[in-house]
Amino acid sequence: MRRSTGRFEIHMNTMGWKISNEHYAKWKKNVGKSFKAPQTRVAPMYLGGEKKRNMNAGKTRLESTAVYRRIIF
């Protein structure tokens, strides 16, 4: 749930995502007990602490394509 700092962009926090059931299960298994990520998330309305409006607000722009160890693409 961390927002972008304005210095660099964390795409999962600024663009929203949707992870397929297969990829989500594999990723969850690989990460282990500390896994807390939701399978679907929409982009937030604002970025950073400056209340800068996010042009992707309410959308999911990223979709999973693969899982490699603890990384999802």
PDB file of N, CA and C in Angstrom:
ATOM      1  N   MET A   1       0.809  -1.212   0.000  1.00  0.00           N
ATOM      2  CA  MET A   1       0.000   0.000   0.000  1.00  0.00           C
ATOM      3  C   MET A   1       0.846   1.268   0.000  1.00  0.00           C
ATOM      4  N   ARG A   2       2.152   1.132  -0.118  1.00  0.00           N
ATOM      5  CA  ARG A   2       3.022   2.303  -0.143  1.00  0.00           C
ATOM      6  C   ARG A   2       2.816   3.099  -1.431  1.00  0.00           C
ATOM      7  N   ARG A   3       2.805   4.392  -1.324  1.00  0.00           N
ATOM      8  CA  ARG A   3       2.629   5.240  -2.503  1.00  0.00           C
ATOM      9  C   ARG A   3       3.967   5.622  -3.117  1.00  0.00           C
ATOM     10  N   SER A   4       3.927   6.123  -4.327  1.00  0.00           N
ATOM     11  CA  SER A   4       5.128   6.582  -4.997  1.00  0.00           C
ATOM     12  C   SER A   4       5.703   7.776  -4.244  1.00  0.00           C
ATOM     13  N   THR A   5       7.022   7.896  -4.216  1.00  0.00           N
ATOM     14  CA  THR A   5       7.687   8.990  -3.513  1.00  0.00           C
ATOM     15  C   THR A   5       7.859  10.213  -4.396  1.00  0.00           C
ATOM     16  N   GLY A   6       7.600  10.077  -5.665  1.00  0.00           N
ATOM     17  CA  GLY A   6       7.809  11.183  -6.597  1.00  0.00           C
ATOM     18  C   GLY A   6       9.178  11.122  -7.259  1.00  0.00           C
ATOM     19  N   ARG A   7      10.120  10.415  -6.656  1.00  0.00           N
ATOM     20  CA  ARG A   7      11.461  10.274  -7.222  1.00  0.00           C
ATOM     21  C   ARG A   7      11.527   9.126  -8.209  1.00  0.00           C
ATOM     22  N   PHE A   8      10.812   8.080  -7.924  1.00  0.00           N
ATOM     23  CA  PHE A   8      10.711   6.958  -8.848  1.00  0.00           C
ATOM     24  C   PHE A   8       9.312   6.386  -8.710  1.00  0.00           C
ATOM     25  N   GLU A   9       8.900   5.639  -9.686  1.00  0.00           N
ATOM     26  CA  GLU A   9       7.537   5.125  -9.701  1.00  0.00           C
ATOM     27  C   GLU A   9       7.529   3.629  -9.458  1.00  0.00           C
ATOM     28  N   ILE A  10       6.745   3.214  -8.477  1.00  0.00           N
ATOM     29  CA  ILE A  10       6.532   1.792  -8.240  1.00  0.00           C
ATOM     30  C   ILE A  10       5.275   1.448  -9.021  1.00  0.00           C
ATOM     31  N   HIS A  11       5.418   0.799 -10.170  1.00  0.00           N
ATOM     32  CA  HIS A  11       4.287   0.592 -11.062  1.00  0.00           C
ATOM     33  C   HIS A  11       3.108  -0.118 -10.414  1.00  0.00           C
ATOM     34  N   MET A  12       3.361  -1.077  -9.555  1.00  0.00           N
ATOM     35  CA  MET A  12       2.239  -1.777  -8.939  1.00  0.00           C
ATOM     36  C   MET A  12       1.404  -0.831  -8.087  1.00  0.00           C
ATOM     37  N   ASN A  13       2.009   0.253  -7.586  1.00  0.00           N
ATOM     38  CA  ASN A  13       1.274   1.195  -6.750  1.00  0.00           C
ATOM     39  C   ASN A  13       0.662   2.339  -7.532  1.00  0.00           C
ATOM     40  N   THR A  14       1.051   2.537  -8.777  1.00  0.00           N
ATOM     41  CA  THR A  14       0.534   3.656  -9.551  1.00  0.00           C
ATOM     42  C   THR A  14      -0.330   3.231 -10.736  1.00  0.00           C
ATOM     43  N   MET A  15      -0.305   1.954 -11.088  1.00  0.00           N
ATOM     44  CA  MET A  15      -1.033   1.498 -12.264  1.00  0.00           C
ATOM     45  C   MET A  15      -2.075   0.424 -11.975  1.00  0.00           C
ATOM     46  N   GLY A  16      -2.085  -0.157 -10.812  1.00  0.00           N
ATOM     47  CA  GLY A  16      -3.026  -1.231 -10.516  1.00  0.00           C
ATOM     48  C   GLY A  16      -2.615  -2.521 -11.217  1.00  0.00           C
ATOM     49  N   TRP A  17      -3.123  -3.657 -10.735  1.00  0.00           N
ATOM     50  CA  TRP A  17      -2.748  -4.929 -11.340  1.00  0.00           C
ATOM     51  C   TRP A  17      -3.828  -5.986 -11.206  1.00  0.00           C
ATOM     52  N   LYS A  18      -3.711  -7.007 -12.049  1.00  0.00           N
ATOM     53  CA  LYS A  18      -4.564  -8.193 -11.997  1.00  0.00           C
ATOM     54  C   LYS A  18      -3.648  -9.395 -12.233  1.00  0.00           C
ATOM     55  N   ILE A  19      -3.666 -10.357 -11.293  1.00  0.00           N
ATOM     56  CA  ILE A  19      -2.804 -11.527 -11.385  1.00  0.00           C
ATOM     57  C   ILE A  19      -3.679 -12.757 -11.615  1.00  0.00           C
ATOM     58  N   SER A  20      -3.327 -13.559 -12.607  1.00  0.00           N
ATOM     59  CA  SER A  20      -4.104 -14.766 -12.910  1.00  0.00           C
ATOM     60  C   SER A  20      -4.095 -15.714 -11.708  1.00  0.00           C
ATOM     61  N   ASN A  21      -5.089 -16.577 -11.619  1.00  0.00           N
ATOM     62  CA  ASN A  21      -5.184 -17.537 -10.512  1.00  0.00           C
ATOM     63  C   ASN A  21      -3.934 -18.413 -10.417  1.00  0.00           C
ATOM     64  N   GLU A  22      -3.466 -18.898 -11.562  1.00  0.00           N
ATOM     65  CA  GLU A  22      -2.280 -19.760 -11.605  1.00  0.00           C
ATOM     66  C   GLU A  22      -1.039 -19.031 -11.081  1.00  0.00           C
ATOM     67  N   HIS A  23      -0.803 -17.826 -11.581  1.00  0.00           N
ATOM     68  CA  HIS A  23       0.362 -17.053 -11.163  1.00  0.00           C
ATOM     69  C   HIS A  23       0.267 -16.653  -9.692  1.00  0.00           C
ATOM     70  N   TYR A  24      -0.925 -16.295  -9.247  1.00  0.00           N
ATOM     71  CA  TYR A  24      -1.121 -15.866  -7.861  1.00  0.00           C
ATOM     72  C   TYR A  24      -0.800 -17.011  -6.887  1.00  0.00           C
ATOM     73  N   ALA A  25      -1.294 -18.207  -7.181  1.00  0.00           N
ATOM     74  CA  ALA A  25      -1.046 -19.370  -6.318  1.00  0.00           C
ATOM     75  C   ALA A  25       0.448 -19.703  -6.259  1.00  0.00           C
ATOM     76  N   LYS A  26       1.105 -19.658  -7.401  1.00  0.00           N
ATOM     77  CA  LYS A  26       2.539 -19.966  -7.463  1.00  0.00           C
ATOM     78  C   LYS A  26       3.353 -18.914  -6.713  1.00  0.00           C
ATOM     79  N   TRP A  27       3.016 -17.647  -6.911  1.00  0.00           N
ATOM     80  CA  TRP A  27       3.718 -16.545  -6.253  1.00  0.00           C
ATOM     81  C   TRP A  27       3.551 -16.640  -4.740  1.00  0.00           C
ATOM     82  N   LYS A  28       2.322 -16.888  -4.294  1.00  0.00           N
ATOM     83  CA  LYS A  28       2.031 -17.010  -2.869  1.00  0.00           C
ATOM     84  C   LYS A  28       2.841 -18.145  -2.243  1.00  0.00           C
ATOM     85  N   LYS A  29       2.912 -19.271  -2.931  1.00  0.00           N
ATOM     86  CA  LYS A  29       3.678 -20.428  -2.437  1.00  0.00           C
ATOM     87  C   LYS A  29       5.164 -20.090  -2.343  1.00  0.00           C
ATOM     88  N   ASN A  30       5.694 -19.405  -3.350  1.00  0.00           N
ATOM     89  CA  ASN A  30       7.116 -19.057  -3.384  1.00  0.00           C
ATOM     90  C   ASN A  30       7.510 -18.039  -2.313  1.00  0.00           C
ATOM     91  N   VAL A  31       6.633 -17.085  -2.027  1.00  0.00           N
ATOM     92  CA  VAL A  31       6.937 -16.045  -1.046  1.00  0.00           C
ATOM     93  C   VAL A  31       6.831 -16.595   0.373  1.00  0.00           C
ATOM     94  N   GLY A  32       5.831 -17.422   0.622  1.00  0.00           N
ATOM     95  CA  GLY A  32       5.688 -18.038   1.943  1.00  0.00           C
ATOM     96  C   GLY A  32       4.776 -17.264   2.883  1.00  0.00           C
ATOM     97  N   LYS A  33       5.009 -17.409   4.176  1.00  0.00           N
ATOM     98  CA  LYS A  33       4.131 -16.853   5.209  1.00  0.00           C
ATOM     99  C   LYS A  33       4.022 -15.335   5.185  1.00  0.00           C
ATOM    100  N   SER A  34       5.036 -14.655   4.706  1.00  0.00           N
ATOM    101  CA  SER A  34       5.008 -13.186   4.687  1.00  0.00           C
ATOM    102  C   SER A  34       4.166 -12.617   3.544  1.00  0.00           C
ATOM    103  N   PHE A  35       3.601 -13.469   2.700  1.00  0.00           N
ATOM    104  CA  PHE A  35       2.817 -13.039   1.536  1.00  0.00           C
ATOM    105  C   PHE A  35       1.539 -12.319   1.958  1.00  0.00           C
ATOM    106  N   LYS A  36       1.334 -11.098   1.439  1.00  0.00           N
ATOM    107  CA  LYS A  36       0.153 -10.312   1.790  1.00  0.00           C
ATOM    108  C   LYS A  36      -0.473  -9.574   0.612  1.00  0.00           C
ATOM    109  N   ALA A  37       0.031  -9.751  -0.578  1.00  0.00           N
ATOM    110  CA  ALA A  37      -0.445  -8.989  -1.736  1.00  0.00           C
ATOM    111  C   ALA A  37      -1.819  -9.453  -2.210  1.00  0.00           C
ATOM    112  N   PRO A  38      -2.699  -8.501  -2.578  1.00  0.00           N
ATOM    113  CA  PRO A  38      -3.994  -8.884  -3.144  1.00  0.00           C
ATOM    114  C   PRO A  38      -3.842  -9.348  -4.594  1.00  0.00           C
ATOM    115  N   GLN A  39      -4.781 -10.131  -5.072  1.00  0.00           N
ATOM    116  CA  GLN A  39      -4.722 -10.639  -6.446  1.00  0.00           C
ATOM    117  C   GLN A  39      -5.090  -9.548  -7.452  1.00  0.00           C
ATOM    118  N   THR A  40      -5.955  -8.655  -7.074  1.00  0.00           N
ATOM    119  CA  THR A  40      -6.365  -7.553  -7.942  1.00  0.00           C
ATOM    120  C   THR A  40      -6.315  -6.263  -7.139  1.00  0.00           C
ATOM    121  N   ARG A  41      -5.821  -5.206  -7.757  1.00  0.00           N
ATOM    122  CA  ARG A  41      -5.799  -3.910  -7.097  1.00  0.00           C
ATOM    123  C   ARG A  41      -5.927  -2.818  -8.137  1.00  0.00           C
ATOM    124  N   VAL A  42      -6.774  -1.859  -7.878  1.00  0.00           N
ATOM    125  CA  VAL A  42      -6.911  -0.712  -8.781  1.00  0.00           C
ATOM    126  C   VAL A  42      -5.944   0.370  -8.339  1.00  0.00           C
ATOM    127  N   ALA A  43      -5.555   1.223  -9.266  1.00  0.00           N
ATOM    128  CA  ALA A  43      -4.635   2.316  -8.972  1.00  0.00           C
ATOM    129  C   ALA A  43      -5.312   3.338  -8.058  1.00  0.00           C
ATOM    130  N   PRO A  44      -4.543   3.941  -7.124  1.00  0.00           N
ATOM    131  CA  PRO A  44      -5.113   4.932  -6.209  1.00  0.00           C
ATOM    132  C   PRO A  44      -5.419   6.259  -6.899  1.00  0.00           C
ATOM    133  N   MET A  45      -6.229   7.075  -6.260  1.00  0.00           N
ATOM    134  CA  MET A  45      -6.599   8.382  -6.820  1.00  0.00           C
ATOM    135  C   MET A  45      -5.431   9.362  -6.846  1.00  0.00           C
ATOM    136  N   TYR A  46      -4.599   9.314  -5.799  1.00  0.00           N
ATOM    137  CA  TYR A  46      -3.511  10.281  -5.676  1.00  0.00           C
ATOM    138  C   TYR A  46      -2.177   9.596  -5.477  1.00  0.00           C
ATOM    139  N   LEU A  47      -1.088  10.281  -5.856  1.00  0.00           N
ATOM    140  CA  LEU A  47       0.266   9.762  -5.729  1.00  0.00           C
ATOM    141  C   LEU A  47       1.051  10.607  -4.731  1.00  0.00           C
ATOM    142  N   GLY A  48       1.870   9.959  -3.940  1.00  0.00           N
ATOM    143  CA  GLY A  48       2.739  10.669  -3.013  1.00  0.00           C
ATOM    144  C   GLY A  48       1.984  11.487  -1.992  1.00  0.00           C
ATOM    145  N   GLY A  49       2.702  12.259  -1.229  1.00  0.00           N
ATOM    146  CA  GLY A  49       2.098  13.073  -0.191  1.00  0.00           C
ATOM    147  C   GLY A  49       1.598  14.414  -0.687  1.00  0.00           C
ATOM    148  N   GLU A  50       1.818  14.731  -1.951  1.00  0.00           N
ATOM    149  CA  GLU A  50       1.478  16.049  -2.484  1.00  0.00           C
ATOM    150  C   GLU A  50       0.076  16.117  -3.083  1.00  0.00           C
ATOM    151  N   LYS A  51      -0.683  15.053  -2.962  1.00  0.00           N
ATOM    152  CA  LYS A  51      -2.034  14.992  -3.538  1.00  0.00           C
ATOM    153  C   LYS A  51      -2.026  15.212  -5.048  1.00  0.00           C
ATOM    154  N   LYS A  52      -1.004  14.675  -5.709  1.00  0.00           N
ATOM    155  CA  LYS A  52      -0.924  14.730  -7.170  1.00  0.00           C
ATOM    156  C   LYS A  52      -1.872  13.686  -7.732  1.00  0.00           C
ATOM    157  N   ARG A  53      -2.798  14.080  -8.588  1.00  0.00           N
ATOM    158  CA  ARG A  53      -3.801  13.179  -9.144  1.00  0.00           C
ATOM    159  C   ARG A  53      -3.147  12.133 -10.039  1.00  0.00           C
ATOM    160  N   ASN A  54      -3.568  10.886  -9.884  1.00  0.00           N
ATOM    161  CA  ASN A  54      -3.051   9.770 -10.668  1.00  0.00           C
ATOM    162  C   ASN A  54      -3.914   9.587 -11.919  1.00  0.00           C
ATOM    163  N   MET A  55      -3.304   9.661 -13.090  1.00  0.00           N
ATOM    164  CA  MET A  55      -4.059   9.511 -14.343  1.00  0.00           C
ATOM    165  C   MET A  55      -4.593   8.093 -14.531  1.00  0.00           C
ATOM    166  N   ASN A  56      -4.101   7.124 -13.754  1.00  0.00           N
ATOM    167  CA  ASN A  56      -4.571   5.741 -13.835  1.00  0.00           C
ATOM    168  C   ASN A  56      -5.588   5.398 -12.750  1.00  0.00           C
ATOM    169  N   ALA A  57      -6.047   6.376 -12.011  1.00  0.00           N
ATOM    170  CA  ALA A  57      -6.936   6.162 -10.871  1.00  0.00           C
ATOM    171  C   ALA A  57      -8.114   5.246 -11.213  1.00  0.00           C
ATOM    172  N   GLY A  58      -8.323   4.223 -10.367  1.00  0.00           N
ATOM    173  CA  GLY A  58      -9.443   3.302 -10.533  1.00  0.00           C
ATOM    174  C   GLY A  58      -9.260   2.252 -11.619  1.00  0.00           C
ATOM    175  N   LYS A  59      -8.093   2.212 -12.260  1.00  0.00           N
ATOM    176  CA  LYS A  59      -7.861   1.278 -13.366  1.00  0.00           C
ATOM    177  C   LYS A  59      -6.866   0.189 -12.965  1.00  0.00           C
ATOM    178  N   THR A  60      -6.883  -0.911 -13.707  1.00  0.00           N
ATOM    179  CA  THR A  60      -5.864  -1.949 -13.576  1.00  0.00           C
ATOM    180  C   THR A  60      -5.156  -2.052 -14.919  1.00  0.00           C
ATOM    181  N   ARG A  61      -3.947  -1.560 -14.985  1.00  0.00           N
ATOM    182  CA  ARG A  61      -3.192  -1.518 -16.241  1.00  0.00           C
ATOM    183  C   ARG A  61      -2.222  -2.670 -16.412  1.00  0.00           C
ATOM    184  N   LEU A  62      -1.833  -3.322 -15.315  1.00  0.00           N
ATOM    185  CA  LEU A  62      -0.848  -4.403 -15.393  1.00  0.00           C
ATOM    186  C   LEU A  62      -1.514  -5.756 -15.213  1.00  0.00           C
ATOM    187  N   GLU A  63      -1.093  -6.739 -16.011  1.00  0.00           N
ATOM    188  CA  GLU A  63      -1.581  -8.114 -15.876  1.00  0.00           C
ATOM    189  C   GLU A  63      -0.386  -9.048 -15.823  1.00  0.00           C
ATOM    190  N   SER A  64      -0.484 -10.086 -14.998  1.00  0.00           N
ATOM    191  CA  SER A  64       0.636 -11.016 -14.842  1.00  0.00           C
ATOM    192  C   SER A  64       0.873 -11.802 -16.130  1.00  0.00           C
ATOM    193  N   THR A  65       2.154 -12.073 -16.388  1.00  0.00           N
ATOM    194  CA  THR A  65       2.511 -12.880 -17.556  1.00  0.00           C
ATOM    195  C   THR A  65       3.351 -14.091 -17.158  1.00  0.00           C
ATOM    196  N   ALA A  66       4.026 -14.013 -16.014  1.00  0.00           N
ATOM    197  CA  ALA A  66       4.872 -15.125 -15.555  1.00  0.00           C
ATOM    198  C   ALA A  66       5.265 -14.930 -14.096  1.00  0.00           C
ATOM    199  N   VAL A  67       5.688 -16.026 -13.470  1.00  0.00           N
ATOM    200  CA  VAL A  67       6.212 -15.988 -12.106  1.00  0.00           C
ATOM    201  C   VAL A  67       7.548 -16.711 -12.122  1.00  0.00           C
ATOM    202  N   TYR A  68       8.562 -16.076 -11.559  1.00  0.00           N
ATOM    203  CA  TYR A  68       9.873 -16.700 -11.443  1.00  0.00           C
ATOM    204  C   TYR A  68      10.347 -16.522 -10.006  1.00  0.00           C
ATOM    205  N   ARG A  69      10.388 -17.603  -9.275  1.00  0.00           N
ATOM    206  CA  ARG A  69      10.724 -17.596  -7.859  1.00  0.00           C
ATOM    207  C   ARG A  69       9.779 -16.659  -7.103  1.00  0.00           C
ATOM    208  N   ARG A  70      10.313 -15.553  -6.556  1.00  0.00           N
ATOM    209  CA  ARG A  70       9.477 -14.630  -5.777  1.00  0.00           C
ATOM    210  C   ARG A  70       9.126 -13.367  -6.562  1.00  0.00           C
ATOM    211  N   ILE A  71       9.356 -13.388  -7.861  1.00  0.00           N
ATOM    212  CA  ILE A  71       9.111 -12.223  -8.706  1.00  0.00           C
ATOM    213  C   ILE A  71       7.969 -12.526  -9.661  1.00  0.00           C
ATOM    214  N   ILE A  72       7.079 -11.559  -9.828  1.00  0.00           N
ATOM    215  CA  ILE A  72       5.984 -11.726 -10.784  1.00  0.00           C
ATOM    216  C   ILE A  72       6.170 -10.702 -11.901  1.00  0.00           C
ATOM    217  N   PHE A  73       5.926 -11.134 -13.130  1.00  0.00           N
ATOM    218  CA  PHE A  73       6.084 -10.269 -14.302  1.00  0.00           C
ATOM    219  C   PHE A  73       4.738 -10.009 -14.934  1.00  0.00           C
TER     220      PHE A  73
END
